[in-house]
Amino acid sequence: MSEKSEILGLAFVSVYTDDFEKSYKFYHEVLGLQKEFDMGNQACFFGIGPENHTGLYLQGGNERIEFKADSMRAAFVLSVHSAFKMYEKLVALDIKMMQEEPIDMGQGDFWFQCYDPCGNILEFLGGK
């Protein structure tokens, strides 16, 4: 494989939603992501991490498709300090969870999944 075709890392993730305002409130107010800039009236970019080396692109105005819980689809994992504290915060805000508690992944890592307001799966990984 040549150097020019190697994957260097993850630049950002994209979330496509049917309700931009509802999703924006979730990603900004609930998860605490800070908007870096708008990208039209139904899209924006959130920086992630202390130096915003990666981010999340949010785009509204898309058609909602219903999935079964075991449907094949892509998801992404957000790193957090404490999986348990994030889990508790989301449960208190009545966010639909996929597990009854964070799962021990070994080596001090805990993981869980939830749904955003438009049905996209989010995953979280962090310590106790």
C-alpha atoms as a PDB file:
ATOM      1  CA  MET A   1       0.000   0.000   0.000  1.00  0.00           C
ATOM      2  CA  SER A   2       1.419   3.375  -0.891  1.00  0.00           C
ATOM      3  CA  GLU A   3       1.774   6.147   1.670  1.00  0.00           C
ATOM      4  CA  LYS A   4      -0.623   8.357  -0.287  1.00  0.00           C
ATOM      5  CA  SER A   5      -3.532   5.924   0.134  1.00  0.00           C
ATOM      6  CA  GLU A   6      -3.164   5.153   3.877  1.00  0.00           C
ATOM      7  CA  ILE A   7      -5.846   6.275   6.278  1.00  0.00           C
ATOM      8  CA  LEU A   8      -4.309   8.737   8.712  1.00  0.00           C
ATOM      9  CA  GLY A   9      -7.140   8.969  11.217  1.00  0.00           C
ATOM     10  CA  LEU A  10     -10.717  10.064  11.667  1.00  0.00           C
ATOM     11  CA  ALA A  11     -11.341  13.650  10.539  1.00  0.00           C
ATOM     12  CA  PHE A  12     -14.943  13.958  11.745  1.00  0.00           C
ATOM     13  CA  VAL A  13     -18.235  12.096  11.920  1.00  0.00           C
ATOM     14  CA  SER A  14     -21.429  13.106  10.136  1.00  0.00           C
ATOM     15  CA  VAL A  15     -24.927  12.867  11.577  1.00  0.00           C
ATOM     16  CA  TYR A  16     -27.875  13.206   9.209  1.00  0.00           C
ATOM     17  CA  THR A  17     -31.180  14.028  10.842  1.00  0.00           C
ATOM     18  CA  ASP A  18     -34.732  14.902   9.933  1.00  0.00           C
ATOM     19  CA  ASP A  19     -35.048  17.583  12.654  1.00  0.00           C
ATOM     20  CA  PHE A  20     -32.050  19.922  12.800  1.00  0.00           C
ATOM     21  CA  GLU A  21     -33.291  22.050  15.736  1.00  0.00           C
ATOM     22  CA  LYS A  22     -34.093  19.055  17.936  1.00  0.00           C
ATOM     23  CA  SER A  23     -30.767  17.412  17.100  1.00  0.00           C
ATOM     24  CA  TYR A  24     -28.807  20.647  17.569  1.00  0.00           C
ATOM     25  CA  LYS A  25     -30.250  21.047  21.077  1.00  0.00           C
ATOM     26  CA  PHE A  26     -29.307  17.458  21.921  1.00  0.00           C
ATOM     27  CA  TYR A  27     -25.716  17.645  20.683  1.00  0.00           C
ATOM     28  CA  HIS A  28     -25.144  21.164  22.063  1.00  0.00           C
ATOM     29  CA  GLU A  29     -27.215  21.348  25.263  1.00  0.00           C
ATOM     30  CA  VAL A  30     -27.253  17.702  26.375  1.00  0.00           C
ATOM     31  CA  LEU A  31     -23.841  16.491  25.190  1.00  0.00           C
ATOM     32  CA  GLY A  32     -22.159  19.889  25.520  1.00  0.00           C
ATOM     33  CA  LEU A  33     -20.580  20.077  22.063  1.00  0.00           C
ATOM     34  CA  GLN A  34     -19.601  23.593  21.002  1.00  0.00           C
ATOM     35  CA  LYS A  35     -20.513  24.794  17.536  1.00  0.00           C
ATOM     36  CA  GLU A  36     -17.506  25.933  15.520  1.00  0.00           C
ATOM     37  CA  PHE A  37     -19.477  27.303  12.576  1.00  0.00           C
ATOM     38  CA  ASP A  38     -22.741  27.117  10.647  1.00  0.00           C
ATOM     39  CA  MET A  39     -22.857  25.400   7.288  1.00  0.00           C
ATOM     40  CA  GLY A  40     -26.134  26.746   5.913  1.00  0.00           C
ATOM     41  CA  ASN A  41     -29.420  27.074   7.766  1.00  0.00           C
ATOM     42  CA  GLN A  42     -29.736  23.341   8.565  1.00  0.00           C
ATOM     43  CA  ALA A  43     -26.159  22.287   9.156  1.00  0.00           C
ATOM     44  CA  CYS A  44     -23.281  23.067  11.472  1.00  0.00           C
ATOM     45  CA  PHE A  45     -19.932  21.737  12.616  1.00  0.00           C
ATOM     46  CA  PHE A  46     -19.091  20.975  16.259  1.00  0.00           C
ATOM     47  CA  GLY A  47     -15.463  20.745  17.333  1.00  0.00           C
ATOM     48  CA  ILE A  48     -14.609  17.851  19.649  1.00  0.00           C
ATOM     49  CA  GLY A  49     -11.731  17.675  22.073  1.00  0.00           C
ATOM     50  CA  PRO A  50      -9.543  20.296  23.688  1.00  0.00           C
ATOM     51  CA  GLU A  51      -7.921  21.335  20.423  1.00  0.00           C
ATOM     52  CA  ASN A  52     -10.852  20.458  18.113  1.00  0.00           C
ATOM     53  CA  HIS A  53      -8.708  18.026  16.124  1.00  0.00           C
ATOM     54  CA  THR A  54     -11.855  16.181  15.103  1.00  0.00           C
ATOM     55  CA  GLY A  55     -15.517  17.050  15.047  1.00  0.00           C
ATOM     56  CA  LEU A  56     -19.127  16.286  14.291  1.00  0.00           C
ATOM     57  CA  TYR A  57     -20.989  17.564  11.237  1.00  0.00           C
ATOM     58  CA  LEU A  58     -24.750  17.820  11.790  1.00  0.00           C
ATOM     59  CA  GLN A  59     -27.109  18.147   8.837  1.00  0.00           C
ATOM     60  CA  GLY A  60     -30.903  18.420   9.016  1.00  0.00           C
ATOM     61  CA  GLY A  61     -33.594  18.116   6.397  1.00  0.00           C
ATOM     62  CA  ASN A  62     -33.124  14.407   5.721  1.00  0.00           C
ATOM     63  CA  GLU A  63     -35.802  11.738   5.490  1.00  0.00           C
ATOM     64  CA  ARG A  64     -36.194   9.604   8.608  1.00  0.00           C
ATOM     65  CA  ILE A  65     -35.825   5.857   8.122  1.00  0.00           C
ATOM     66  CA  GLU A  66     -36.944   3.521  10.876  1.00  0.00           C
ATOM     67  CA  PHE A  67     -34.531   0.745  11.848  1.00  0.00           C
ATOM     68  CA  LYS A  68     -34.961  -2.315  14.017  1.00  0.00           C
ATOM     69  CA  ALA A  69     -32.622  -2.492  17.008  1.00  0.00           C
ATOM     70  CA  ASP A  70     -30.478  -5.094  15.228  1.00  0.00           C
ATOM     71  CA  SER A  71     -30.441  -3.371  11.811  1.00  0.00           C
ATOM     72  CA  MET A  72     -27.053  -2.949  10.178  1.00  0.00           C
ATOM     73  CA  ARG A  73     -25.736   0.648  10.272  1.00  0.00           C
ATOM     74  CA  ALA A  74     -22.711   2.690  11.175  1.00  0.00           C
ATOM     75  CA  ALA A  75     -22.285   4.325  14.577  1.00  0.00           C
ATOM     76  CA  PHE A  76     -19.536   6.236  16.323  1.00  0.00           C
ATOM     77  CA  VAL A  77     -18.083   6.211  19.824  1.00  0.00           C
ATOM     78  CA  LEU A  78     -17.572   9.345  21.921  1.00  0.00           C
ATOM     79  CA  SER A  79     -14.871   9.297  24.605  1.00  0.00           C
ATOM     80  CA  VAL A  80     -15.943  10.516  28.046  1.00  0.00           C
ATOM     81  CA  HIS A  81     -14.218  10.690  31.429  1.00  0.00           C
ATOM     82  CA  SER A  82     -16.887   8.596  33.161  1.00  0.00           C
ATOM     83  CA  ALA A  83     -19.268   6.326  31.275  1.00  0.00           C
ATOM     84  CA  PHE A  84     -21.385   6.043  34.428  1.00  0.00           C
ATOM     85  CA  LYS A  85     -21.782   9.802  34.905  1.00  0.00           C
ATOM     86  CA  MET A  86     -22.721  10.297  31.242  1.00  0.00           C
ATOM     87  CA  TYR A  87     -25.135   7.367  31.454  1.00  0.00           C
ATOM     88  CA  GLU A  88     -26.798   8.838  34.563  1.00  0.00           C
ATOM     89  CA  LYS A  89     -27.070  12.272  32.919  1.00  0.00           C
ATOM     90  CA  LEU A  90     -28.735  10.851  29.802  1.00  0.00           C
ATOM     91  CA  VAL A  91     -31.129   8.647  31.806  1.00  0.00           C
ATOM     92  CA  ALA A  92     -32.151  11.671  33.925  1.00  0.00           C
ATOM     93  CA  LEU A  93     -32.974  13.530  30.689  1.00  0.00           C
ATOM     94  CA  ASP A  94     -35.118  10.570  29.508  1.00  0.00           C
ATOM     95  CA  ILE A  95     -32.808   9.662  26.605  1.00  0.00           C
ATOM     96  CA  LYS A  96     -33.591   6.185  25.232  1.00  0.00           C
ATOM     97  CA  MET A  97     -30.810   3.824  26.292  1.00  0.00           C
ATOM     98  CA  MET A  98     -29.868   0.447  24.781  1.00  0.00           C
ATOM     99  CA  GLN A  99     -28.274  -1.091  27.897  1.00  0.00           C
ATOM    100  CA  GLU A 100     -29.406  -1.099  31.520  1.00  0.00           C
ATOM    101  CA  GLU A 101     -25.981   0.176  32.618  1.00  0.00           C
ATOM    102  CA  PRO A 102     -22.509   0.677  31.133  1.00  0.00           C
ATOM    103  CA  ILE A 103     -20.786  -2.601  30.242  1.00  0.00           C
ATOM    104  CA  ASP A 104     -17.325  -3.422  31.583  1.00  0.00           C
ATOM    105  CA  MET A 105     -15.026  -3.749  28.558  1.00  0.00           C
ATOM    106  CA  GLY A 106     -11.958  -4.550  30.678  1.00  0.00           C
ATOM    107  CA  GLN A 107      -8.896  -2.495  31.547  1.00  0.00           C
ATOM    108  CA  GLY A 108     -11.051   0.151  33.258  1.00  0.00           C
ATOM    109  CA  ASP A 109     -13.159   0.950  30.183  1.00  0.00           C
ATOM    110  CA  PHE A 110     -16.968   1.009  30.242  1.00  0.00           C
ATOM    111  CA  TRP A 111     -19.228   1.309  27.183  1.00  0.00           C
ATOM    112  CA  PHE A 112     -22.911   1.931  26.429  1.00  0.00           C
ATOM    113  CA  GLN A 113     -25.227   3.000  23.616  1.00  0.00           C
ATOM    114  CA  CYS A 114     -28.205   5.327  23.348  1.00  0.00           C
ATOM    115  CA  TYR A 115     -30.346   6.924  20.659  1.00  0.00           C
ATOM    116  CA  ASP A 116     -30.214  10.582  19.690  1.00  0.00           C
ATOM    117  CA  PRO A 117     -33.589  12.342  19.218  1.00  0.00           C
ATOM    118  CA  CYS A 118     -33.834  11.209  15.591  1.00  0.00           C
ATOM    119  CA  GLY A 119     -32.954   7.546  16.155  1.00  0.00           C
ATOM    120  CA  ASN A 120     -29.217   7.558  15.414  1.00  0.00           C
ATOM    121  CA  ILE A 121     -27.173   5.287  17.681  1.00  0.00           C
ATOM    122  CA  LEU A 122     -24.455   6.936  19.774  1.00  0.00           C
ATOM    123  CA  GLU A 123     -21.868   4.986  21.731  1.00  0.00           C
ATOM    124  CA  PHE A 124     -19.853   6.175  24.718  1.00  0.00           C
ATOM    125  CA  LEU A 125     -16.611   4.828  26.179  1.00  0.00           C
ATOM    126  CA  GLY A 126     -15.035   5.977  29.410  1.00  0.00           C
ATOM    127  CA  GLY A 127     -13.859   5.078  32.868  1.00  0.00           C
ATOM    128  CA  LYS A 128     -15.907   4.323  35.913  1.00  0.00           C
END
